[in-house]
Amino acid sequence: MIAHYKQFIGQYVDQAPSPLSNWLHGKILDISEKGITLEFEVRKEMTNPVNLLHGGMMAAIIDDMVGMTLFVTGVKSFYASINLHVDFVSNVRCGTSVIATSEIIKKGSRIMLVACNLYGPDKTLLAKGSSNLVMTEGSDYSQSVA
């Protein structure tokens, strides 16, 4: 599975099963067995009234990265978020590129823990997040990709 997705390194996400992933339009920088790294351009529609990356957008990027991580690393079942914890540390303006890196922390039989950090220029930490996810019964990614 990972070998298949590695061919997309350097390309933008625009054909994902998730419409949000496509809208965020991240550029794939790296894919491994443990996680993924994408770059996102902060667009005007992603900002708050003072032209900074909206906190909700940071959380959306982190949440989407968590789901994408499970998808590209070969997890067959669909996992639903139990929670999403985000710590906001810093911010960036519209037009800035941000880097998101994710990592699978723990794979249990039904529960996964995935973390994601969001970085600005000079590797400044913007936000860090983690999510516990639970395997859902009777659903898998192949049903949503068809």
N, C-alpha and C. Protein backbone atom coordinates (compact mmCIF):
# COMPACT_ATOMS: atom_id res chain seq x y z
N MET A 1 0.83 -1.20 0.00
CA MET A 1 0.00 0.00 0.00
C MET A 1 0.87 1.25 0.00
N ILE A 2 1.85 1.30 0.89
CA ILE A 2 2.71 2.49 0.98
C ILE A 2 3.47 2.70 -0.31
N ALA A 3 3.97 1.61 -0.90
CA ALA A 3 4.71 1.73 -2.16
C ALA A 3 3.84 2.38 -3.23
N HIS A 4 2.57 2.04 -3.26
CA HIS A 4 1.64 2.64 -4.23
C HIS A 4 1.55 4.15 -4.02
N TYR A 5 1.40 4.59 -2.79
CA TYR A 5 1.22 6.02 -2.53
C TYR A 5 2.52 6.82 -2.66
N LYS A 6 3.66 6.17 -2.52
CA LYS A 6 4.94 6.88 -2.66
C LYS A 6 5.10 7.48 -4.06
N GLN A 7 4.43 6.91 -5.06
CA GLN A 7 4.52 7.47 -6.41
C GLN A 7 3.90 8.86 -6.50
N PHE A 8 3.11 9.24 -5.51
CA PHE A 8 2.45 10.54 -5.53
C PHE A 8 3.23 11.64 -4.79
N ILE A 9 4.40 11.28 -4.23
CA ILE A 9 5.23 12.29 -3.57
C ILE A 9 5.55 13.40 -4.57
N GLY A 10 5.38 14.64 -4.12
CA GLY A 10 5.60 15.80 -4.98
C GLY A 10 4.32 16.29 -5.65
N GLN A 11 3.25 15.52 -5.55
CA GLN A 11 1.98 15.90 -6.16
C GLN A 11 1.02 16.45 -5.10
N TYR A 12 -0.02 17.12 -5.58
CA TYR A 12 -1.04 17.68 -4.69
C TYR A 12 -2.20 16.71 -4.54
N VAL A 13 -2.77 16.68 -3.35
CA VAL A 13 -3.94 15.84 -3.08
C VAL A 13 -5.14 16.49 -3.77
N ASP A 14 -5.71 15.80 -4.75
CA ASP A 14 -6.90 16.30 -5.42
C ASP A 14 -7.83 15.16 -5.86
N GLN A 15 -7.46 13.93 -5.55
CA GLN A 15 -8.28 12.77 -5.92
C GLN A 15 -8.54 11.87 -4.72
N ALA A 16 -8.48 12.41 -3.52
CA ALA A 16 -8.70 11.62 -2.30
C ALA A 16 -10.19 11.31 -2.13
N PRO A 17 -10.52 10.25 -1.39
CA PRO A 17 -11.93 9.97 -1.10
C PRO A 17 -12.58 11.07 -0.27
N SER A 18 -11.79 11.85 0.45
CA SER A 18 -12.32 12.92 1.30
C SER A 18 -12.36 14.25 0.56
N PRO A 19 -13.55 14.84 0.41
CA PRO A 19 -13.62 16.16 -0.21
C PRO A 19 -12.81 17.22 0.55
N LEU A 20 -12.73 17.09 1.88
CA LEU A 20 -11.93 18.04 2.65
C LEU A 20 -10.46 17.93 2.29
N SER A 21 -9.96 16.70 2.16
CA SER A 21 -8.56 16.52 1.76
C SER A 21 -8.29 17.21 0.43
N ASN A 22 -9.20 17.05 -0.51
CA ASN A 22 -9.03 17.68 -1.83
C ASN A 22 -9.06 19.20 -1.72
N TRP A 23 -9.96 19.74 -0.89
CA TRP A 23 -10.07 21.19 -0.72
C TRP A 23 -8.82 21.76 -0.06
N LEU A 24 -8.28 21.05 0.93
CA LEU A 24 -7.06 21.52 1.60
C LEU A 24 -5.88 21.54 0.62
N HIS A 25 -5.87 20.61 -0.34
CA HIS A 25 -4.94 20.62 -1.48
C HIS A 25 -3.48 20.60 -1.03
N GLY A 26 -3.17 19.67 -0.13
CA GLY A 26 -1.81 19.55 0.36
C GLY A 26 -0.88 18.90 -0.65
N LYS A 27 0.37 19.28 -0.60
CA LYS A 27 1.41 18.68 -1.45
C LYS A 27 2.08 17.58 -0.65
N ILE A 28 2.13 16.37 -1.21
CA ILE A 28 2.69 15.22 -0.51
C ILE A 28 4.22 15.31 -0.54
N LEU A 29 4.82 15.35 0.65
CA LEU A 29 6.27 15.43 0.77
C LEU A 29 6.91 14.09 1.14
N ASP A 30 6.21 13.29 1.96
CA ASP A 30 6.78 12.01 2.38
C ASP A 30 5.67 11.09 2.86
N ILE A 31 5.90 9.79 2.65
CA ILE A 31 4.99 8.75 3.11
C ILE A 31 5.85 7.60 3.62
N SER A 32 5.56 7.14 4.84
CA SER A 32 6.29 6.00 5.39
C SER A 32 5.31 5.10 6.14
N GLU A 33 5.82 4.02 6.68
CA GLU A 33 4.99 3.09 7.44
C GLU A 33 4.43 3.74 8.71
N LYS A 34 5.11 4.75 9.22
CA LYS A 34 4.71 5.39 10.48
C LYS A 34 3.83 6.61 10.29
N GLY A 35 3.95 7.31 9.15
CA GLY A 35 3.19 8.53 8.98
C GLY A 35 3.43 9.21 7.64
N ILE A 36 2.91 10.42 7.53
CA ILE A 36 3.01 11.18 6.29
C ILE A 36 3.40 12.63 6.58
N THR A 37 3.89 13.31 5.54
CA THR A 37 4.21 14.73 5.64
C THR A 37 3.64 15.43 4.42
N LEU A 38 2.89 16.49 4.65
CA LEU A 38 2.31 17.28 3.57
C LEU A 38 2.58 18.76 3.81
N GLU A 39 2.58 19.52 2.74
CA GLU A 39 2.73 20.97 2.79
C GLU A 39 1.42 21.60 2.32
N PHE A 40 0.99 22.63 3.03
CA PHE A 40 -0.25 23.33 2.71
C PHE A 40 0.03 24.81 2.54
N GLU A 41 -0.57 25.42 1.54
CA GLU A 41 -0.50 26.86 1.35
C GLU A 41 -1.68 27.48 2.09
N VAL A 42 -1.43 28.45 2.96
CA VAL A 42 -2.50 29.13 3.69
C VAL A 42 -3.19 30.10 2.73
N ARG A 43 -4.42 29.76 2.35
CA ARG A 43 -5.21 30.58 1.43
C ARG A 43 -6.13 31.51 2.22
N LYS A 44 -6.61 32.54 1.57
CA LYS A 44 -7.47 33.56 2.21
C LYS A 44 -8.67 32.93 2.92
N GLU A 45 -9.28 31.94 2.29
CA GLU A 45 -10.47 31.32 2.88
C GLU A 45 -10.14 30.43 4.08
N MET A 46 -8.86 30.33 4.42
CA MET A 46 -8.42 29.55 5.58
C MET A 46 -8.06 30.46 6.76
N THR A 47 -8.28 31.75 6.62
CA THR A 47 -7.82 32.70 7.64
C THR A 47 -8.98 33.27 8.48
N ASN A 48 -8.58 33.86 9.58
CA ASN A 48 -9.53 34.55 10.46
C ASN A 48 -9.60 36.03 10.06
N PRO A 49 -10.36 36.86 10.77
CA PRO A 49 -10.50 38.26 10.38
C PRO A 49 -9.21 39.09 10.38
N VAL A 50 -8.16 38.62 11.04
CA VAL A 50 -6.90 39.37 11.04
C VAL A 50 -5.85 38.73 10.13
N ASN A 51 -6.34 37.91 9.17
CA ASN A 51 -5.50 37.34 8.12
C ASN A 51 -4.50 36.28 8.62
N LEU A 52 -4.77 35.69 9.78
CA LEU A 52 -3.94 34.59 10.31
C LEU A 52 -4.65 33.27 10.06
N LEU A 53 -3.88 32.20 9.97
CA LEU A 53 -4.47 30.87 9.80
C LEU A 53 -5.45 30.60 10.94
N HIS A 54 -6.69 30.35 10.59
CA HIS A 54 -7.76 30.12 11.57
C HIS A 54 -7.46 28.86 12.38
N GLY A 55 -7.69 28.92 13.69
CA GLY A 55 -7.48 27.77 14.55
C GLY A 55 -8.29 26.56 14.12
N GLY A 56 -9.49 26.80 13.65
CA GLY A 56 -10.32 25.70 13.16
C GLY A 56 -9.70 25.03 11.94
N MET A 57 -9.00 25.81 11.13
CA MET A 57 -8.31 25.24 9.97
C MET A 57 -7.11 24.41 10.42
N MET A 58 -6.42 24.88 11.45
CA MET A 58 -5.31 24.07 11.98
C MET A 58 -5.85 22.73 12.46
N ALA A 59 -6.96 22.77 13.19
CA ALA A 59 -7.56 21.54 13.69
C ALA A 59 -8.03 20.66 12.52
N ALA A 60 -8.58 21.27 11.48
CA ALA A 60 -9.04 20.50 10.32
C ALA A 60 -7.87 19.83 9.61
N ILE A 61 -6.77 20.55 9.45
CA ILE A 61 -5.58 19.96 8.82
C ILE A 61 -5.09 18.78 9.65
N ILE A 62 -5.00 18.97 10.96
CA ILE A 62 -4.52 17.90 11.85
C ILE A 62 -5.46 16.70 11.77
N ASP A 63 -6.76 16.93 11.87
CA ASP A 63 -7.74 15.85 11.82
C ASP A 63 -7.68 15.12 10.48
N ASP A 64 -7.56 15.87 9.39
CA ASP A 64 -7.50 15.25 8.07
C ASP A 64 -6.21 14.45 7.90
N MET A 65 -5.12 14.97 8.42
CA MET A 65 -3.84 14.25 8.36
C MET A 65 -3.93 12.93 9.13
N VAL A 66 -4.61 12.93 10.25
CA VAL A 66 -4.79 11.71 11.04
C VAL A 66 -5.50 10.65 10.19
N GLY A 67 -6.60 11.02 9.58
CA GLY A 67 -7.34 10.08 8.74
C GLY A 67 -6.55 9.62 7.53
N MET A 68 -5.88 10.57 6.88
CA MET A 68 -5.06 10.22 5.72
C MET A 68 -3.94 9.26 6.08
N THR A 69 -3.38 9.44 7.26
CA THR A 69 -2.30 8.58 7.72
C THR A 69 -2.75 7.13 7.78
N LEU A 70 -3.91 6.90 8.37
CA LEU A 70 -4.42 5.53 8.44
C LEU A 70 -4.70 4.98 7.05
N PHE A 71 -5.26 5.80 6.19
CA PHE A 71 -5.61 5.38 4.83
C PHE A 71 -4.38 4.95 4.04
N VAL A 72 -3.35 5.80 4.00
CA VAL A 72 -2.20 5.50 3.15
C VAL A 72 -1.26 4.45 3.74
N THR A 73 -1.34 4.21 5.04
CA THR A 73 -0.47 3.19 5.63
C THR A 73 -1.11 1.81 5.60
N GLY A 74 -2.25 1.68 4.93
CA GLY A 74 -2.82 0.37 4.68
C GLY A 74 -3.85 -0.13 5.66
N VAL A 75 -4.34 0.72 6.54
CA VAL A 75 -5.39 0.30 7.47
C VAL A 75 -6.66 0.09 6.65
N LYS A 76 -7.22 -1.10 6.70
CA LYS A 76 -8.37 -1.46 5.85
C LYS A 76 -9.70 -0.95 6.38
N SER A 77 -9.91 -1.04 7.68
CA SER A 77 -11.18 -0.62 8.26
C SER A 77 -11.22 0.89 8.41
N PHE A 78 -12.44 1.42 8.43
CA PHE A 78 -12.61 2.85 8.70
C PHE A 78 -12.59 3.06 10.19
N TYR A 79 -11.80 4.02 10.63
CA TYR A 79 -11.69 4.38 12.04
C TYR A 79 -12.34 5.75 12.24
N ALA A 80 -13.23 5.84 13.21
CA ALA A 80 -13.89 7.10 13.54
C ALA A 80 -13.18 7.75 14.72
N SER A 81 -13.10 9.06 14.69
CA SER A 81 -12.45 9.79 15.78
C SER A 81 -13.25 9.66 17.06
N ILE A 82 -12.55 9.36 18.14
CA ILE A 82 -13.14 9.39 19.47
C ILE A 82 -12.96 10.79 20.05
N ASN A 83 -11.77 11.35 19.78
CA ASN A 83 -11.48 12.70 20.26
C ASN A 83 -10.43 13.33 19.36
N LEU A 84 -10.25 14.60 19.52
CA LEU A 84 -9.19 15.34 18.84
C LEU A 84 -8.71 16.39 19.82
N HIS A 85 -7.46 16.29 20.18
CA HIS A 85 -6.88 17.26 21.12
C HIS A 85 -5.87 18.10 20.34
N VAL A 86 -6.04 19.42 20.40
CA VAL A 86 -5.13 20.32 19.68
C VAL A 86 -4.62 21.38 20.64
N ASP A 87 -3.30 21.58 20.63
CA ASP A 87 -2.67 22.69 21.34
C ASP A 87 -2.20 23.68 20.29
N PHE A 88 -2.67 24.92 20.40
CA PHE A 88 -2.26 25.98 19.48
C PHE A 88 -1.07 26.70 20.09
N VAL A 89 0.00 26.85 19.33
CA VAL A 89 1.24 27.40 19.87
C VAL A 89 1.60 28.73 19.22
N SER A 90 1.45 28.82 17.90
CA SER A 90 1.83 30.03 17.18
C SER A 90 0.93 30.17 15.97
N ASN A 91 1.23 31.12 15.10
CA ASN A 91 0.37 31.33 13.93
C ASN A 91 1.17 31.88 12.77
N VAL A 92 0.54 31.86 11.58
CA VAL A 92 1.13 32.40 10.35
C VAL A 92 0.08 33.15 9.56
N ARG A 93 0.54 33.97 8.65
CA ARG A 93 -0.34 34.78 7.80
C ARG A 93 -0.69 34.07 6.50
N CYS A 94 -1.71 34.59 5.85
CA CYS A 94 -2.12 34.12 4.54
C CYS A 94 -0.92 34.17 3.59
N GLY A 95 -0.79 33.16 2.74
CA GLY A 95 0.29 33.10 1.78
C GLY A 95 1.49 32.30 2.27
N THR A 96 1.48 31.92 3.52
CA THR A 96 2.58 31.15 4.10
C THR A 96 2.35 29.66 3.85
N SER A 97 3.42 28.93 3.64
CA SER A 97 3.33 27.47 3.56
C SER A 97 3.54 26.88 4.95
N VAL A 98 2.73 25.87 5.27
CA VAL A 98 2.88 25.15 6.53
C VAL A 98 3.11 23.68 6.23
N ILE A 99 3.82 23.01 7.12
CA ILE A 99 4.14 21.60 6.96
C ILE A 99 3.45 20.83 8.09
N ALA A 100 2.76 19.76 7.73
CA ALA A 100 2.11 18.89 8.71
C ALA A 100 2.77 17.51 8.64
N THR A 101 3.16 17.01 9.80
CA THR A 101 3.75 15.67 9.88
C THR A 101 2.93 14.84 10.86
N SER A 102 2.62 13.62 10.45
CA SER A 102 1.83 12.74 11.31
C SER A 102 2.62 11.48 11.63
N GLU A 103 2.18 10.83 12.69
CA GLU A 103 2.83 9.59 13.11
C GLU A 103 1.82 8.73 13.86
N ILE A 104 1.78 7.45 13.50
CA ILE A 104 0.98 6.50 14.26
C ILE A 104 1.73 6.20 15.54
N ILE A 105 1.11 6.51 16.67
CA ILE A 105 1.74 6.32 17.97
C ILE A 105 1.46 4.92 18.52
N LYS A 106 0.22 4.47 18.40
CA LYS A 106 -0.15 3.15 18.93
C LYS A 106 -1.23 2.52 18.06
N LYS A 107 -0.99 1.25 17.71
CA LYS A 107 -1.98 0.45 16.99
C LYS A 107 -2.49 -0.63 17.93
N GLY A 108 -3.72 -0.48 18.34
CA GLY A 108 -4.34 -1.52 19.14
C GLY A 108 -5.24 -2.37 18.27
N SER A 109 -5.92 -3.33 18.87
CA SER A 109 -6.81 -4.19 18.09
C SER A 109 -8.04 -3.44 17.58
N ARG A 110 -8.49 -2.42 18.31
CA ARG A 110 -9.65 -1.62 17.87
C ARG A 110 -9.42 -0.11 17.98
N ILE A 111 -8.41 0.30 18.71
CA ILE A 111 -8.15 1.72 18.95
C ILE A 111 -6.77 2.08 18.39
N MET A 112 -6.71 3.22 17.71
CA MET A 112 -5.44 3.76 17.21
C MET A 112 -5.22 5.13 17.83
N LEU A 113 -3.97 5.48 18.03
CA LEU A 113 -3.59 6.82 18.47
C LEU A 113 -2.65 7.38 17.42
N VAL A 114 -3.01 8.53 16.86
CA VAL A 114 -2.21 9.18 15.83
C VAL A 114 -1.96 10.62 16.26
N ALA A 115 -0.73 11.08 16.06
CA ALA A 115 -0.36 12.45 16.39
C ALA A 115 0.02 13.21 15.13
N CYS A 116 -0.13 14.52 15.17
CA CYS A 116 0.23 15.37 14.04
C CYS A 116 0.73 16.71 14.56
N ASN A 117 1.83 17.18 14.00
CA ASN A 117 2.36 18.51 14.31
C ASN A 117 2.28 19.38 13.06
N LEU A 118 2.00 20.64 13.27
CA LEU A 118 1.90 21.62 12.19
C LEU A 118 2.99 22.66 12.40
N TYR A 119 3.83 22.85 11.37
CA TYR A 119 4.98 23.75 11.46
C TYR A 119 4.88 24.88 10.45
N GLY A 120 5.37 26.04 10.84
CA GLY A 120 5.48 27.18 9.95
C GLY A 120 6.91 27.33 9.47
N PRO A 121 7.23 28.52 8.96
CA PRO A 121 8.60 28.77 8.49
C PRO A 121 9.62 28.52 9.60
N ASP A 122 10.80 28.12 9.21
CA ASP A 122 11.89 27.85 10.15
C ASP A 122 11.52 26.79 11.18
N LYS A 123 10.62 25.89 10.80
CA LYS A 123 10.19 24.78 11.66
C LYS A 123 9.56 25.24 12.97
N THR A 124 8.96 26.43 12.96
CA THR A 124 8.25 26.94 14.13
C THR A 124 7.00 26.10 14.36
N LEU A 125 6.85 25.55 15.56
CA LEU A 125 5.66 24.76 15.88
C LEU A 125 4.45 25.69 15.96
N LEU A 126 3.43 25.40 15.15
CA LEU A 126 2.19 26.17 15.15
C LEU A 126 1.13 25.51 16.01
N ALA A 127 1.03 24.19 15.88
CA ALA A 127 0.03 23.44 16.65
C ALA A 127 0.46 21.98 16.69
N LYS A 128 0.03 21.32 17.74
CA LYS A 128 0.25 19.87 17.82
C LYS A 128 -1.07 19.25 18.24
N GLY A 129 -1.32 18.09 17.70
CA GLY A 129 -2.58 17.44 18.00
C GLY A 129 -2.44 15.94 18.04
N SER A 130 -3.45 15.32 18.64
CA SER A 130 -3.52 13.86 18.65
C SER A 130 -4.98 13.45 18.64
N SER A 131 -5.19 12.25 18.15
CA SER A 131 -6.55 11.73 18.08
C SER A 131 -6.55 10.24 18.36
N ASN A 132 -7.49 9.82 19.17
CA ASN A 132 -7.79 8.41 19.36
C ASN A 132 -8.92 8.09 18.39
N LEU A 133 -8.78 6.95 17.73
CA LEU A 133 -9.79 6.54 16.75
C LEU A 133 -10.20 5.10 17.05
N VAL A 134 -11.45 4.79 16.77
CA VAL A 134 -11.97 3.45 17.01
C VAL A 134 -12.40 2.83 15.68
N MET A 135 -12.10 1.54 15.51
CA MET A 135 -12.49 0.82 14.30
C MET A 135 -14.01 0.69 14.28
N THR A 136 -14.60 1.01 13.16
CA THR A 136 -16.05 0.88 13.01
C THR A 136 -16.37 -0.50 12.45
N GLU A 137 -17.49 -1.03 12.85
CA GLU A 137 -17.91 -2.37 12.40
C GLU A 137 -18.50 -2.29 11.00
N GLY A 138 -18.08 -3.20 10.15
CA GLY A 138 -18.71 -3.37 8.84
C GLY A 138 -18.43 -2.30 7.81
N SER A 139 -17.43 -1.47 8.01
CA SER A 139 -17.12 -0.49 6.97
C SER A 139 -15.62 -0.52 6.70
N ASP A 140 -15.29 -0.32 5.45
CA ASP A 140 -13.88 -0.21 5.10
C ASP A 140 -13.74 0.83 4.01
N TYR A 141 -12.51 1.24 3.78
CA TYR A 141 -12.23 2.31 2.82
C TYR A 141 -12.63 1.95 1.40
N SER A 142 -12.62 0.66 1.07
CA SER A 142 -12.94 0.27 -0.31
C SER A 142 -14.37 0.67 -0.69
N GLN A 143 -15.25 0.78 0.30
CA GLN A 143 -16.63 1.18 0.01
C GLN A 143 -16.73 2.65 -0.36
N SER A 144 -15.84 3.49 0.15
CA SER A 144 -15.90 4.93 -0.14
C SER A 144 -15.05 5.31 -1.34
N VAL A 145 -14.18 4.41 -1.79
CA VAL A 145 -13.27 4.73 -2.89
C VAL A 145 -13.88 4.36 -4.22
N ALA A 146 -14.87 3.48 -4.24
CA ALA A 146 -15.46 2.98 -5.48
C ALA A 146 -15.99 4.03 -6.39
